[in-house]
Amino acid sequence: MNVKVRGKQIEVTNALRQHVEKRIGKLEKYFDKLEEAQVTLSVEKDRHRVEVTIPVDGIILRGEEESGDMYSSVDMVIDKLEKQIRKHKTRLAKKIRSNSLRELAAQGDDGVEEEEEPKILRTKRFAIKPMPVDEAIMQMNLLGHNFFVFSNAETKQVNVVYRRKDGNYGLIEPEF
């Protein structure tokens, strides 16, 4: 697997790169082939942040963690990704075979308890009117939501604006 490690405001030492590659390599046991993983290491004041993105079979596994130590941040994000992978594998196995939990466990599912699959509890419908991004942000703030779906007046496509953890905004645009 090709692991691309890059640093933001930190020099990626050989020891750190080897630690990341070793820990990411442990994820290969869950899949037939992992081609690439992108890892971004960054430091802000005393916060060491690790972001990992791995495209696998049409899905994207993504995790990010931060702590006071870069090595522990790497370990925490790998644990988070392993949990995501086990959850994904369990769901796939459940959909492919309508087996009981005991049969899944007997097949070597690492003794992971199956979590109940989330359900859609409510469906909302609303009229989408074309508006610029600034107006969509204003509407989102007026409603007190963390995201807002709208028709972009400039591109004539459905977009989503959202509030980021850092207080800024993000825009999601479809790509065909």
Protein backbone atom coordinates (compact mmCIF):
# COMPACT_ATOMS: atom_id res chain seq x y z
CA MET A 1 0.00 0.00 0.00
CA ASN A 2 1.18 3.49 -0.84
CA VAL A 3 1.04 5.72 2.27
CA LYS A 4 1.41 9.42 1.56
CA VAL A 5 2.43 11.26 4.73
CA ARG A 6 2.63 15.02 4.72
CA GLY A 7 3.13 17.52 7.49
CA LYS A 8 1.63 20.95 8.09
CA GLN A 9 3.82 23.07 10.34
CA ILE A 10 5.75 19.95 11.33
CA GLU A 11 8.71 18.14 9.82
CA VAL A 12 7.87 14.49 9.25
CA THR A 13 10.83 12.54 10.65
CA ASN A 14 11.72 9.05 9.45
CA ALA A 15 10.69 7.60 12.83
CA LEU A 16 7.29 9.29 12.64
CA ARG A 17 6.80 8.21 9.01
CA GLN A 18 7.68 4.60 9.89
CA HIS A 19 5.26 4.64 12.85
CA VAL A 20 2.44 5.92 10.62
CA GLU A 21 3.19 3.36 7.88
CA LYS A 22 3.35 0.52 10.41
CA ARG A 23 0.04 1.47 12.02
CA ILE A 24 -1.73 2.06 8.66
CA GLY A 25 -0.37 -1.29 7.46
CA LYS A 26 -2.42 -3.03 10.17
CA LEU A 27 -5.58 -1.97 8.32
CA GLU A 28 -4.65 -4.14 5.33
CA LYS A 29 -5.80 -7.28 7.16
CA TYR A 30 -9.41 -6.11 6.76
CA PHE A 31 -9.35 -5.80 2.95
CA ASP A 32 -8.06 -7.71 -0.05
CA LYS A 33 -6.21 -4.71 -1.35
CA LEU A 34 -5.67 -1.21 -0.09
CA GLU A 35 -3.96 0.90 -2.68
CA GLU A 36 -3.42 4.26 -1.05
CA ALA A 37 -3.73 6.13 2.22
CA GLN A 38 -3.30 9.86 2.70
CA VAL A 39 -2.13 11.01 6.11
CA THR A 40 -1.80 14.65 7.15
CA LEU A 41 0.02 15.52 10.36
CA SER A 42 -0.34 19.03 11.72
CA VAL A 43 0.60 20.94 14.84
CA GLU A 44 -1.12 24.01 16.28
CA LYS A 45 0.20 25.22 19.62
CA ASP A 46 0.15 22.05 21.75
CA ARG A 47 -2.43 20.15 19.66
CA HIS A 48 -1.07 17.38 17.44
CA ARG A 49 -3.65 16.47 14.79
CA VAL A 50 -3.72 13.46 12.45
CA GLU A 51 -6.11 13.15 9.49
CA VAL A 52 -6.28 9.89 7.52
CA THR A 53 -8.21 9.30 4.29
CA ILE A 54 -8.36 5.86 2.64
CA PRO A 55 -10.48 5.15 -0.47
CA VAL A 56 -11.73 1.52 -0.39
CA ASP A 57 -14.17 -0.17 -2.77
CA GLY A 58 -16.17 2.95 -3.57
CA ILE A 59 -16.28 4.23 0.00
CA ILE A 60 -13.95 6.60 1.78
CA LEU A 61 -12.71 5.81 5.25
CA ARG A 62 -11.78 8.99 7.07
CA GLY A 63 -10.68 9.68 10.59
CA GLU A 64 -9.13 12.52 12.48
CA GLU A 65 -7.88 12.80 16.03
CA GLU A 66 -5.87 15.25 18.05
CA SER A 67 -4.00 15.08 21.34
CA GLY A 68 -0.90 16.44 23.01
CA ASP A 69 1.36 13.85 21.37
CA MET A 70 1.63 13.00 17.66
CA TYR A 71 2.27 9.28 18.23
CA SER A 72 -0.80 8.89 20.45
CA SER A 73 -2.88 10.85 17.90
CA VAL A 74 -1.79 8.36 15.23
CA ASP A 75 -2.72 5.43 17.47
CA MET A 76 -6.12 6.95 18.33
CA VAL A 77 -7.03 7.60 14.68
CA ILE A 78 -6.07 4.03 13.70
CA ASP A 79 -8.30 2.67 16.48
CA LYS A 80 -11.13 4.87 15.20
CA LEU A 81 -10.64 3.62 11.63
CA GLU A 82 -10.56 -0.02 12.77
CA LYS A 83 -13.90 0.52 14.49
CA GLN A 84 -15.33 2.06 11.29
CA ILE A 85 -14.02 -0.86 9.24
CA ARG A 86 -15.46 -3.50 11.58
CA LYS A 87 -18.81 -1.69 11.52
CA HIS A 88 -18.73 -1.53 7.70
CA LYS A 89 -17.72 -5.19 7.36
CA THR A 90 -20.52 -6.25 9.74
CA ARG A 91 -23.11 -4.35 7.75
CA LEU A 92 -21.92 -5.85 4.47
CA ALA A 93 -21.96 -9.34 5.90
CA LYS A 94 -25.47 -8.75 7.21
CA LYS A 95 -26.72 -7.56 3.82
CA ILE A 96 -25.03 -10.31 1.81
CA ARG A 97 -26.06 -13.17 4.04
CA SER A 98 -29.13 -13.16 6.23
CA ASN A 99 -27.29 -15.07 8.92
CA SER A 100 -27.82 -14.85 12.65
CA LEU A 101 -25.31 -13.13 14.92
CA ARG A 102 -23.96 -16.49 16.07
CA GLU A 103 -23.20 -17.54 12.49
CA LEU A 104 -21.43 -14.23 11.80
CA ALA A 105 -19.34 -14.68 14.94
CA ALA A 106 -18.50 -18.26 13.91
CA GLN A 107 -17.19 -16.95 10.59
CA GLY A 108 -14.49 -15.01 12.42
CA ASP A 109 -15.89 -11.53 12.85
CA ASP A 110 -13.32 -10.86 15.61
CA GLY A 111 -16.01 -11.16 18.27
CA VAL A 112 -17.34 -7.72 17.42
CA GLU A 113 -20.84 -7.10 18.66
CA GLU A 114 -23.08 -5.98 15.87
CA GLU A 115 -24.40 -2.49 16.36
CA GLU A 116 -27.97 -1.77 15.46
CA GLU A 117 -28.14 -0.17 12.04
CA PRO A 118 -29.36 3.46 12.13
CA LYS A 119 -32.87 4.02 10.80
CA ILE A 120 -34.46 6.95 9.04
CA LEU A 121 -36.92 8.24 11.61
CA ARG A 122 -38.15 11.30 9.80
CA THR A 123 -38.32 12.62 6.25
CA LYS A 124 -38.54 16.33 5.57
CA ARG A 125 -39.58 17.92 2.30
CA PHE A 126 -39.12 21.58 1.50
CA ALA A 127 -39.09 23.86 -1.50
CA ILE A 128 -35.63 24.81 -2.71
CA LYS A 129 -35.33 28.29 -4.12
CA PRO A 130 -32.26 29.50 -5.98
CA MET A 131 -30.06 31.75 -3.83
CA PRO A 132 -26.44 32.87 -3.57
CA VAL A 133 -24.12 31.20 -1.04
CA ASP A 134 -24.19 34.25 1.29
CA GLU A 135 -27.97 34.07 1.58
CA ALA A 136 -27.82 30.31 2.24
CA ILE A 137 -25.40 30.91 5.13
CA MET A 138 -27.71 33.58 6.51
CA GLN A 139 -30.71 31.21 6.24
CA MET A 140 -28.77 28.44 7.99
CA ASN A 141 -27.87 30.79 10.85
CA LEU A 142 -31.44 32.08 11.12
CA LEU A 143 -32.72 28.51 11.41
CA GLY A 144 -30.02 27.61 13.94
CA HIS A 145 -28.89 24.57 11.93
CA ASN A 146 -25.37 23.26 11.29
CA PHE A 147 -26.04 22.79 7.57
CA PHE A 148 -28.38 24.08 4.87
CA VAL A 149 -29.35 22.55 1.50
CA PHE A 150 -30.06 25.03 -1.29
CA SER A 151 -30.05 25.58 -5.04
CA ASN A 152 -27.02 27.68 -5.94
CA ALA A 153 -28.17 30.63 -8.06
CA GLU A 154 -24.81 30.80 -9.86
CA THR A 155 -24.34 27.12 -10.76
CA LYS A 156 -28.02 26.00 -10.82
CA GLN A 157 -27.04 22.91 -8.78
CA VAL A 158 -28.00 21.69 -5.33
CA ASN A 159 -25.31 22.64 -2.78
CA VAL A 160 -24.86 22.29 0.97
CA VAL A 161 -23.31 24.88 3.28
CA TYR A 162 -22.22 23.76 6.74
CA ARG A 163 -20.64 25.18 9.86
CA ARG A 164 -17.16 23.83 10.54
CA LYS A 165 -15.74 23.08 13.99
CA ASP A 166 -13.41 26.07 13.69
CA GLY A 167 -16.39 28.45 13.27
CA ASN A 168 -15.96 28.99 9.54
CA TYR A 169 -18.22 27.60 6.80
CA GLY A 170 -17.85 24.87 4.21
CA LEU A 171 -19.57 24.45 0.83
CA ILE A 172 -20.32 21.08 -0.75
CA GLU A 173 -20.80 21.13 -4.51
CA PRO A 174 -21.68 18.05 -6.59
CA GLU A 175 -19.13 16.79 -9.09
CA PHE A 176 -20.33 14.72 -12.01
